[in-house]
Amino acid sequence: MSDCASCTNKLAEHGFRELEQFINDLNEKNGALISVLHRAQGIFGYLPKEVQQFVAKKLDIPVSKVYGIVSFYSFFTMVPKGKHPISVCMGTACYVRGAEKVLNEFKRVLEIEVGETTPDGNFSLDALRCVGACGLAPVVLVGDKVYGRVTTNQVKSILKEYE
């Protein structure tokens, strides 16, 4: 039987090596913080304190600057996301066309609140301010896939695609 803690540590070590290689390959480290954080989140799925400290050390900047960027931009997260992150646009056009009802249906079906992840780690749920696809309102993103003109009746079928 394998030791899960050992597996997790090996995955983390591999992730830190990959991130370090990305940083080392940068031509210019000044002004690279956001791109490094995007890569880090792509590797780890989120930006816990250990990753922020690593980035700060490798870029020779204060951890407070890294934390400031991570906490300011809604794209970055300090908590693990589900395998399939769901984002419901709550911008004006989407809201007017029923995004709140769609969001509530996702919450009901998944039995989680905004900002939470399902116990199986499959889905996480977030609300965004605007995704810039107002003509498709209301808009839902599952990972990088965009669903337009979503109704409450479509929620279960959208989720079924990812089970």
N, C-alpha and C. Protein backbone atom coordinates (compact mmCIF):
# COMPACT_ATOMS: atom_id res chain seq x y z
N MET A 1 0.84 -1.18 0.00
CA MET A 1 0.00 0.00 0.00
C MET A 1 0.88 1.25 0.00
N SER A 2 0.58 2.22 -0.82
CA SER A 2 1.42 3.40 -0.93
C SER A 2 1.10 4.42 0.16
N ASP A 3 2.10 5.20 0.48
CA ASP A 3 1.95 6.25 1.48
C ASP A 3 1.47 7.51 0.78
N CYS A 4 0.21 7.93 1.03
CA CYS A 4 -0.36 9.08 0.33
C CYS A 4 0.42 10.37 0.62
N ALA A 5 0.90 10.53 1.85
CA ALA A 5 1.68 11.72 2.19
C ALA A 5 2.95 11.77 1.34
N SER A 6 3.56 10.61 1.13
CA SER A 6 4.76 10.52 0.31
C SER A 6 4.44 10.90 -1.14
N CYS A 7 3.30 10.41 -1.65
CA CYS A 7 2.88 10.74 -3.02
C CYS A 7 2.65 12.24 -3.17
N THR A 8 1.97 12.82 -2.19
CA THR A 8 1.68 14.25 -2.21
C THR A 8 2.97 15.05 -2.20
N ASN A 9 3.92 14.63 -1.35
CA ASN A 9 5.20 15.34 -1.28
C ASN A 9 5.96 15.26 -2.60
N LYS A 10 5.92 14.10 -3.25
CA LYS A 10 6.61 13.95 -4.53
C LYS A 10 5.98 14.82 -5.61
N LEU A 11 4.65 14.89 -5.60
CA LEU A 11 3.95 15.75 -6.55
C LEU A 11 4.32 17.21 -6.30
N ALA A 12 4.36 17.60 -5.02
CA ALA A 12 4.71 18.98 -4.68
C ALA A 12 6.14 19.28 -5.10
N GLU A 13 7.06 18.36 -4.83
CA GLU A 13 8.46 18.55 -5.22
C GLU A 13 8.57 18.73 -6.74
N HIS A 14 7.86 17.89 -7.48
CA HIS A 14 7.87 18.00 -8.94
C HIS A 14 7.31 19.36 -9.36
N GLY A 15 6.23 19.80 -8.72
CA GLY A 15 5.63 21.10 -9.04
C GLY A 15 6.58 22.25 -8.78
N PHE A 16 7.28 22.20 -7.64
CA PHE A 16 8.24 23.26 -7.33
C PHE A 16 9.41 23.25 -8.32
N ARG A 17 9.86 22.06 -8.72
CA ARG A 17 10.93 21.99 -9.72
C ARG A 17 10.47 22.59 -11.05
N GLU A 18 9.24 22.25 -11.46
CA GLU A 18 8.70 22.79 -12.71
C GLU A 18 8.58 24.31 -12.65
N LEU A 19 8.10 24.82 -11.52
CA LEU A 19 7.95 26.27 -11.36
C LEU A 19 9.32 26.95 -11.34
N GLU A 20 10.27 26.35 -10.66
CA GLU A 20 11.62 26.92 -10.61
C GLU A 20 12.23 26.98 -12.01
N GLN A 21 12.02 25.93 -12.80
CA GLN A 21 12.54 25.92 -14.17
C GLN A 21 11.90 27.04 -14.99
N PHE A 22 10.59 27.23 -14.83
CA PHE A 22 9.88 28.30 -15.53
C PHE A 22 10.49 29.67 -15.17
N ILE A 23 10.71 29.88 -13.88
CA ILE A 23 11.28 31.15 -13.42
C ILE A 23 12.71 31.31 -13.94
N ASN A 24 13.50 30.25 -13.87
CA ASN A 24 14.88 30.32 -14.34
C ASN A 24 14.96 30.60 -15.84
N ASP A 25 13.96 30.16 -16.60
CA ASP A 25 13.95 30.36 -18.05
C ASP A 25 13.49 31.76 -18.47
N LEU A 26 13.01 32.55 -17.52
CA LEU A 26 12.55 33.91 -17.84
C LEU A 26 13.73 34.77 -18.25
N ASN A 27 13.57 35.54 -19.31
CA ASN A 27 14.62 36.47 -19.72
C ASN A 27 14.73 37.62 -18.73
N GLU A 28 13.60 38.06 -18.23
CA GLU A 28 13.54 39.19 -17.31
C GLU A 28 12.59 38.85 -16.17
N LYS A 29 13.10 38.90 -14.94
CA LYS A 29 12.28 38.56 -13.79
C LYS A 29 11.46 39.76 -13.29
N ASN A 30 11.97 40.98 -13.54
CA ASN A 30 11.21 42.17 -13.14
C ASN A 30 9.92 42.24 -13.95
N GLY A 31 8.82 42.39 -13.27
CA GLY A 31 7.53 42.49 -13.94
C GLY A 31 6.94 41.15 -14.32
N ALA A 32 7.55 40.05 -13.87
CA ALA A 32 7.08 38.72 -14.27
C ALA A 32 6.16 38.08 -13.23
N LEU A 33 5.86 38.78 -12.16
CA LEU A 33 5.12 38.18 -11.05
C LEU A 33 3.79 37.57 -11.49
N ILE A 34 2.99 38.28 -12.24
CA ILE A 34 1.67 37.76 -12.62
C ILE A 34 1.80 36.53 -13.51
N SER A 35 2.71 36.55 -14.45
CA SER A 35 2.88 35.36 -15.31
C SER A 35 3.40 34.18 -14.50
N VAL A 36 4.27 34.43 -13.53
CA VAL A 36 4.76 33.35 -12.67
C VAL A 36 3.62 32.80 -11.82
N LEU A 37 2.78 33.67 -11.30
CA LEU A 37 1.64 33.21 -10.49
C LEU A 37 0.65 32.41 -11.33
N HIS A 38 0.43 32.85 -12.58
CA HIS A 38 -0.45 32.07 -13.46
C HIS A 38 0.12 30.67 -13.67
N ARG A 39 1.42 30.58 -13.92
CA ARG A 39 2.05 29.28 -14.11
C ARG A 39 1.96 28.45 -12.84
N ALA A 40 2.22 29.08 -11.70
CA ALA A 40 2.17 28.37 -10.42
C ALA A 40 0.77 27.81 -10.16
N GLN A 41 -0.24 28.62 -10.44
CA GLN A 41 -1.61 28.15 -10.23
C GLN A 41 -1.95 27.03 -11.21
N GLY A 42 -1.41 27.10 -12.40
CA GLY A 42 -1.61 26.02 -13.36
C GLY A 42 -0.97 24.72 -12.89
N ILE A 43 0.16 24.82 -12.23
CA ILE A 43 0.86 23.64 -11.73
C ILE A 43 0.19 23.07 -10.50
N PHE A 44 -0.10 23.93 -9.52
CA PHE A 44 -0.60 23.47 -8.22
C PHE A 44 -2.12 23.51 -8.10
N GLY A 45 -2.79 24.26 -8.98
CA GLY A 45 -4.24 24.37 -8.91
C GLY A 45 -4.72 25.50 -8.01
N TYR A 46 -3.84 26.01 -7.18
CA TYR A 46 -4.13 27.13 -6.30
C TYR A 46 -2.80 27.66 -5.77
N LEU A 47 -2.85 28.75 -4.98
CA LEU A 47 -1.62 29.39 -4.53
C LEU A 47 -1.56 29.45 -3.00
N PRO A 48 -1.23 28.32 -2.38
CA PRO A 48 -1.11 28.33 -0.92
C PRO A 48 0.11 29.14 -0.47
N LYS A 49 0.21 29.38 0.81
CA LYS A 49 1.28 30.22 1.36
C LYS A 49 2.67 29.72 0.97
N GLU A 50 2.87 28.40 0.93
CA GLU A 50 4.18 27.85 0.58
C GLU A 50 4.59 28.22 -0.85
N VAL A 51 3.63 28.20 -1.75
CA VAL A 51 3.91 28.56 -3.14
C VAL A 51 4.20 30.05 -3.25
N GLN A 52 3.44 30.86 -2.54
CA GLN A 52 3.68 32.31 -2.55
C GLN A 52 5.07 32.63 -2.00
N GLN A 53 5.48 31.94 -0.93
CA GLN A 53 6.81 32.16 -0.36
C GLN A 53 7.90 31.75 -1.34
N PHE A 54 7.69 30.65 -2.03
CA PHE A 54 8.65 30.16 -3.02
C PHE A 54 8.82 31.18 -4.14
N VAL A 55 7.70 31.68 -4.65
CA VAL A 55 7.72 32.67 -5.74
C VAL A 55 8.45 33.93 -5.28
N ALA A 56 8.14 34.39 -4.08
CA ALA A 56 8.77 35.60 -3.55
C ALA A 56 10.29 35.42 -3.47
N LYS A 57 10.71 34.28 -2.96
CA LYS A 57 12.14 34.01 -2.82
C LYS A 57 12.82 33.98 -4.19
N LYS A 58 12.21 33.27 -5.15
CA LYS A 58 12.82 33.11 -6.47
C LYS A 58 12.85 34.42 -7.26
N LEU A 59 11.86 35.29 -7.03
CA LEU A 59 11.83 36.58 -7.74
C LEU A 59 12.48 37.70 -6.93
N ASP A 60 12.94 37.36 -5.72
CA ASP A 60 13.59 38.32 -4.83
C ASP A 60 12.70 39.53 -4.56
N ILE A 61 11.45 39.23 -4.17
CA ILE A 61 10.50 40.28 -3.79
C ILE A 61 9.86 39.88 -2.47
N PRO A 62 9.27 40.85 -1.75
CA PRO A 62 8.63 40.51 -0.48
C PRO A 62 7.39 39.62 -0.68
N VAL A 63 7.18 38.71 0.27
CA VAL A 63 5.99 37.85 0.24
C VAL A 63 4.74 38.71 0.25
N SER A 64 4.79 39.84 0.94
CA SER A 64 3.62 40.73 1.02
C SER A 64 3.19 41.22 -0.37
N LYS A 65 4.15 41.43 -1.27
CA LYS A 65 3.81 41.85 -2.64
C LYS A 65 3.11 40.71 -3.38
N VAL A 66 3.62 39.49 -3.20
CA VAL A 66 3.00 38.33 -3.84
C VAL A 66 1.58 38.16 -3.32
N TYR A 67 1.43 38.20 -2.01
CA TYR A 67 0.11 38.04 -1.39
C TYR A 67 -0.85 39.14 -1.86
N GLY A 68 -0.33 40.37 -1.98
CA GLY A 68 -1.16 41.49 -2.44
C GLY A 68 -1.74 41.23 -3.82
N ILE A 69 -0.93 40.69 -4.72
CA ILE A 69 -1.40 40.38 -6.08
C ILE A 69 -2.39 39.22 -6.05
N VAL A 70 -2.05 38.16 -5.30
CA VAL A 70 -2.91 36.98 -5.24
C VAL A 70 -4.28 37.33 -4.66
N SER A 71 -4.29 38.16 -3.62
CA SER A 71 -5.56 38.49 -2.97
C SER A 71 -6.35 39.55 -3.74
N PHE A 72 -5.69 40.33 -4.60
CA PHE A 72 -6.37 41.38 -5.35
C PHE A 72 -7.10 40.84 -6.57
N TYR A 73 -6.44 39.99 -7.35
CA TYR A 73 -7.02 39.51 -8.59
C TYR A 73 -7.88 38.28 -8.35
N SER A 74 -9.13 38.34 -8.82
CA SER A 74 -10.08 37.25 -8.55
C SER A 74 -9.71 35.96 -9.27
N PHE A 75 -8.87 36.04 -10.29
CA PHE A 75 -8.47 34.82 -11.00
C PHE A 75 -7.66 33.90 -10.09
N PHE A 76 -6.87 34.50 -9.21
CA PHE A 76 -6.01 33.71 -8.33
C PHE A 76 -6.80 33.23 -7.12
N THR A 77 -6.45 32.05 -6.65
CA THR A 77 -7.12 31.50 -5.48
C THR A 77 -6.11 30.89 -4.52
N MET A 78 -6.40 31.03 -3.25
CA MET A 78 -5.55 30.46 -2.21
C MET A 78 -6.15 29.19 -1.62
N VAL A 79 -7.27 28.77 -2.17
CA VAL A 79 -7.90 27.52 -1.73
C VAL A 79 -8.03 26.59 -2.93
N PRO A 80 -7.92 25.28 -2.71
CA PRO A 80 -8.01 24.35 -3.84
C PRO A 80 -9.36 24.44 -4.55
N LYS A 81 -9.30 24.37 -5.85
CA LYS A 81 -10.51 24.35 -6.67
C LYS A 81 -10.83 22.91 -7.03
N GLY A 82 -12.05 22.70 -7.46
CA GLY A 82 -12.45 21.38 -7.91
C GLY A 82 -11.78 21.04 -9.23
N LYS A 83 -11.85 19.78 -9.58
CA LYS A 83 -11.31 19.32 -10.86
C LYS A 83 -11.96 20.09 -12.00
N HIS A 84 -13.24 20.42 -11.82
CA HIS A 84 -13.99 21.19 -12.83
C HIS A 84 -14.54 22.46 -12.16
N PRO A 85 -13.78 23.56 -12.21
CA PRO A 85 -14.26 24.80 -11.59
C PRO A 85 -15.38 25.43 -12.41
N ILE A 86 -16.47 25.74 -11.73
CA ILE A 86 -17.63 26.36 -12.38
C ILE A 86 -17.68 27.82 -11.96
N SER A 87 -17.82 28.70 -12.94
CA SER A 87 -17.95 30.13 -12.67
C SER A 87 -19.20 30.64 -13.36
N VAL A 88 -20.05 31.30 -12.59
CA VAL A 88 -21.27 31.88 -13.13
C VAL A 88 -21.07 33.39 -13.19
N CYS A 89 -21.23 33.97 -14.36
CA CYS A 89 -21.09 35.41 -14.52
C CYS A 89 -22.28 36.11 -13.87
N MET A 90 -21.98 37.10 -13.04
CA MET A 90 -23.02 37.86 -12.37
C MET A 90 -22.98 39.33 -12.81
N GLY A 91 -22.37 39.58 -13.97
CA GLY A 91 -22.36 40.94 -14.52
C GLY A 91 -23.78 41.37 -14.83
N THR A 92 -23.95 42.64 -15.12
CA THR A 92 -25.29 43.22 -15.30
C THR A 92 -26.13 42.46 -16.32
N ALA A 93 -25.59 42.24 -17.52
CA ALA A 93 -26.38 41.56 -18.56
C ALA A 93 -26.76 40.16 -18.12
N CYS A 94 -25.83 39.44 -17.53
CA CYS A 94 -26.11 38.07 -17.08
C CYS A 94 -27.12 38.07 -15.93
N TYR A 95 -26.93 38.99 -15.01
CA TYR A 95 -27.82 39.06 -13.86
C TYR A 95 -29.26 39.34 -14.30
N VAL A 96 -29.41 40.31 -15.19
CA VAL A 96 -30.74 40.69 -15.68
C VAL A 96 -31.41 39.52 -16.40
N ARG A 97 -30.60 38.67 -17.05
CA ARG A 97 -31.16 37.55 -17.81
C ARG A 97 -31.22 36.24 -17.01
N GLY A 98 -31.08 36.33 -15.68
CA GLY A 98 -31.34 35.15 -14.85
C GLY A 98 -30.14 34.42 -14.27
N ALA A 99 -28.97 35.05 -14.24
CA ALA A 99 -27.78 34.38 -13.72
C ALA A 99 -27.94 33.97 -12.25
N GLU A 100 -28.64 34.77 -11.47
CA GLU A 100 -28.81 34.43 -10.06
C GLU A 100 -29.58 33.12 -9.90
N LYS A 101 -30.60 32.92 -10.71
CA LYS A 101 -31.35 31.67 -10.67
C LYS A 101 -30.48 30.49 -11.09
N VAL A 102 -29.64 30.69 -12.10
CA VAL A 102 -28.73 29.65 -12.56
C VAL A 102 -27.73 29.32 -11.45
N LEU A 103 -27.16 30.34 -10.83
CA LEU A 103 -26.22 30.14 -9.73
C LEU A 103 -26.88 29.38 -8.59
N ASN A 104 -28.08 29.76 -8.25
CA ASN A 104 -28.81 29.08 -7.17
C ASN A 104 -29.08 27.62 -7.50
N GLU A 105 -29.31 27.33 -8.78
CA GLU A 105 -29.55 25.95 -9.19
C GLU A 105 -28.26 25.12 -9.07
N PHE A 106 -27.13 25.70 -9.45
CA PHE A 106 -25.85 25.01 -9.25
C PHE A 106 -25.63 24.74 -7.76
N LYS A 107 -25.90 25.73 -6.92
CA LYS A 107 -25.73 25.56 -5.47
C LYS A 107 -26.64 24.44 -4.96
N ARG A 108 -27.88 24.42 -5.44
CA ARG A 108 -28.83 23.41 -4.99
C ARG A 108 -28.40 22.01 -5.41
N VAL A 109 -28.06 21.85 -6.68
CA VAL A 109 -27.70 20.54 -7.22
C VAL A 109 -26.39 20.03 -6.62
N LEU A 110 -25.40 20.91 -6.51
CA LEU A 110 -24.09 20.50 -6.00
C LEU A 110 -24.05 20.45 -4.46
N GLU A 111 -25.02 21.08 -3.84
CA GLU A 111 -25.09 21.17 -2.37
C GLU A 111 -23.86 21.85 -1.79
N ILE A 112 -23.41 22.93 -2.46
CA ILE A 112 -22.31 23.76 -1.97
C ILE A 112 -22.66 25.22 -2.16
N GLU A 113 -21.92 26.09 -1.50
CA GLU A 113 -22.08 27.52 -1.65
C GLU A 113 -20.98 28.06 -2.55
N VAL A 114 -21.12 29.31 -2.97
CA VAL A 114 -20.09 29.96 -3.76
C VAL A 114 -18.78 29.96 -2.95
N GLY A 115 -17.69 29.61 -3.61
CA GLY A 115 -16.40 29.55 -2.95
C GLY A 115 -16.07 28.19 -2.37
N GLU A 116 -16.99 27.25 -2.48
CA GLU A 116 -16.77 25.92 -1.92
C GLU A 116 -16.50 24.90 -3.03
N THR A 117 -16.02 23.74 -2.59
CA THR A 117 -15.74 22.62 -3.48
C THR A 117 -16.53 21.42 -3.00
N THR A 118 -17.05 20.63 -3.93
CA THR A 118 -17.80 19.43 -3.55
C THR A 118 -16.88 18.49 -2.78
N PRO A 119 -17.45 17.70 -1.86
CA PRO A 119 -16.62 16.79 -1.05
C PRO A 119 -15.76 15.83 -1.88
N ASP A 120 -16.21 15.46 -3.07
CA ASP A 120 -15.42 14.55 -3.91
C ASP A 120 -14.33 15.29 -4.70
N GLY A 121 -14.28 16.63 -4.57
CA GLY A 121 -13.27 17.42 -5.26
C GLY A 121 -13.52 17.60 -6.73
N ASN A 122 -14.69 17.19 -7.21
CA ASN A 122 -14.98 17.25 -8.64
C ASN A 122 -15.34 18.66 -9.11
N PHE A 123 -16.14 19.39 -8.32
CA PHE A 123 -16.61 20.71 -8.73
C PHE A 123 -16.34 21.75 -7.65
N SER A 124 -16.05 22.97 -8.09
CA SER A 124 -16.04 24.12 -7.20
C SER A 124 -16.91 25.17 -7.88
N LEU A 125 -17.43 26.09 -7.08
CA LEU A 125 -18.39 27.06 -7.60
C LEU A 125 -17.97 28.47 -7.25
N ASP A 126 -17.96 29.34 -8.25
CA ASP A 126 -17.64 30.75 -8.05
C ASP A 126 -18.58 31.62 -8.86
N ALA A 127 -18.66 32.87 -8.44
CA ALA A 127 -19.41 33.88 -9.18
C ALA A 127 -18.41 34.93 -9.64
N LEU A 128 -18.51 35.32 -10.90
CA LEU A 128 -17.62 36.33 -11.47
C LEU A 128 -18.40 37.60 -11.75
N ARG A 129 -17.69 38.71 -11.86
CA ARG A 129 -18.35 39.99 -12.13
C ARG A 129 -18.71 40.14 -13.60
N CYS A 130 -17.82 39.77 -14.48
CA CYS A 130 -18.12 39.87 -15.91
C CYS A 130 -17.08 39.07 -16.68
N VAL A 131 -17.54 38.29 -17.65
CA VAL A 131 -16.61 37.54 -18.49
C VAL A 131 -16.50 38.14 -19.89
N GLY A 132 -17.24 39.20 -20.14
CA GLY A 132 -17.13 39.89 -21.42
C GLY A 132 -17.83 39.20 -22.57
N ALA A 133 -18.82 38.37 -22.25
CA ALA A 133 -19.59 37.70 -23.29
C ALA A 133 -21.07 38.03 -23.11
N CYS A 134 -21.36 39.31 -22.98
CA CYS A 134 -22.70 39.78 -22.62
C CYS A 134 -23.77 39.34 -23.61
N GLY A 135 -23.41 39.18 -24.86
CA GLY A 135 -24.38 38.73 -25.86
C GLY A 135 -24.85 37.31 -25.64
N LEU A 136 -24.11 36.55 -24.83
CA LEU A 136 -24.47 35.16 -24.53
C LEU A 136 -25.12 35.01 -23.16
N ALA A 137 -25.44 36.11 -22.52
CA ALA A 137 -25.94 36.09 -21.14
C ALA A 137 -27.20 35.23 -20.98
N PRO A 138 -27.28 34.55 -19.84
CA PRO A 138 -26.28 34.38 -18.79
C PRO A 138 -25.23 33.34 -19.17
N VAL A 139 -24.00 33.62 -18.75
CA VAL A 139 -22.84 32.81 -19.12
C VAL A 139 -22.33 32.01 -17.93
N VAL A 140 -21.97 30.74 -18.21
CA VAL A 140 -21.36 29.86 -17.22
C VAL A 140 -20.07 29.32 -17.84
N LEU A 141 -19.00 29.31 -17.07
CA LEU A 141 -17.76 28.68 -17.51
C LEU A 141 -17.52 27.45 -16.66
N VAL A 142 -17.17 26.36 -17.31
CA VAL A 142 -16.71 25.17 -16.60
C VAL A 142 -15.30 24.94 -17.12
N GLY A 143 -14.33 25.25 -16.27
CA GLY A 143 -12.95 25.29 -16.74
C GLY A 143 -12.84 26.37 -17.79
N ASP A 144 -12.40 26.02 -18.99
CA ASP A 144 -12.27 26.98 -20.08
C ASP A 144 -13.44 26.94 -21.05
N LYS A 145 -14.38 26.04 -20.82
CA LYS A 145 -15.52 25.91 -21.74
C LYS A 145 -16.61 26.90 -21.35
N VAL A 146 -17.10 27.63 -22.36
CA VAL A 146 -18.11 28.66 -22.15
C VAL A 146 -19.48 28.13 -22.55
N TYR A 147 -20.45 28.31 -21.67
CA TYR A 147 -21.84 27.97 -21.96
C TYR A 147 -22.63 29.27 -21.96
N GLY A 148 -23.35 29.51 -23.05
CA GLY A 148 -24.13 30.75 -23.18
C GLY A 148 -25.62 30.50 -23.12
N ARG A 149 -26.31 31.57 -22.72
CA ARG A 149 -27.78 31.55 -22.61
C ARG A 149 -28.25 30.38 -21.74
N VAL A 150 -27.57 30.19 -20.62
CA VAL A 150 -27.85 29.06 -19.73
C VAL A 150 -29.13 29.30 -18.95
N THR A 151 -29.94 28.24 -18.85
CA THR A 151 -31.14 28.28 -18.03
C THR A 151 -30.99 27.29 -16.88
N THR A 152 -31.85 27.41 -15.89
CA THR A 152 -31.80 26.48 -14.76
C THR A 152 -32.02 25.04 -15.22
N ASN A 153 -32.79 24.86 -16.27
CA ASN A 153 -33.05 23.51 -16.79
C ASN A 153 -31.81 22.84 -17.38
N GLN A 154 -30.79 23.61 -17.72
CA GLN A 154 -29.58 23.06 -18.34
C GLN A 154 -28.52 22.67 -17.32
N VAL A 155 -28.66 23.09 -16.06
CA VAL A 155 -27.62 22.88 -15.06
C VAL A 155 -27.24 21.41 -14.91
N LYS A 156 -28.22 20.53 -14.75
CA LYS A 156 -27.93 19.11 -14.58
C LYS A 156 -27.23 18.51 -15.80
N SER A 157 -27.64 18.90 -16.99
CA SER A 157 -27.00 18.36 -18.19
C SER A 157 -25.57 18.86 -18.33
N ILE A 158 -25.31 20.10 -17.94
CA ILE A 158 -23.95 20.62 -17.96
C ILE A 158 -23.08 19.82 -16.99
N LEU A 159 -23.57 19.59 -15.80
CA LEU A 159 -22.80 18.82 -14.80
C LEU A 159 -22.56 17.40 -15.26
N LYS A 160 -23.54 16.82 -15.92
CA LYS A 160 -23.43 15.42 -16.39
C LYS A 160 -22.25 15.26 -17.36
N GLU A 161 -21.93 16.29 -18.12
CA GLU A 161 -20.79 16.24 -19.05
C GLU A 161 -19.48 15.98 -18.33
N TYR A 162 -19.41 16.28 -17.04
CA TYR A 162 -18.15 16.21 -16.31
C TYR A 162 -18.11 15.11 -15.25
N GLU A 163 -19.13 14.27 -15.23
CA GLU A 163 -19.16 13.20 -14.22
C GLU A 163 -18.44 11.97 -14.72
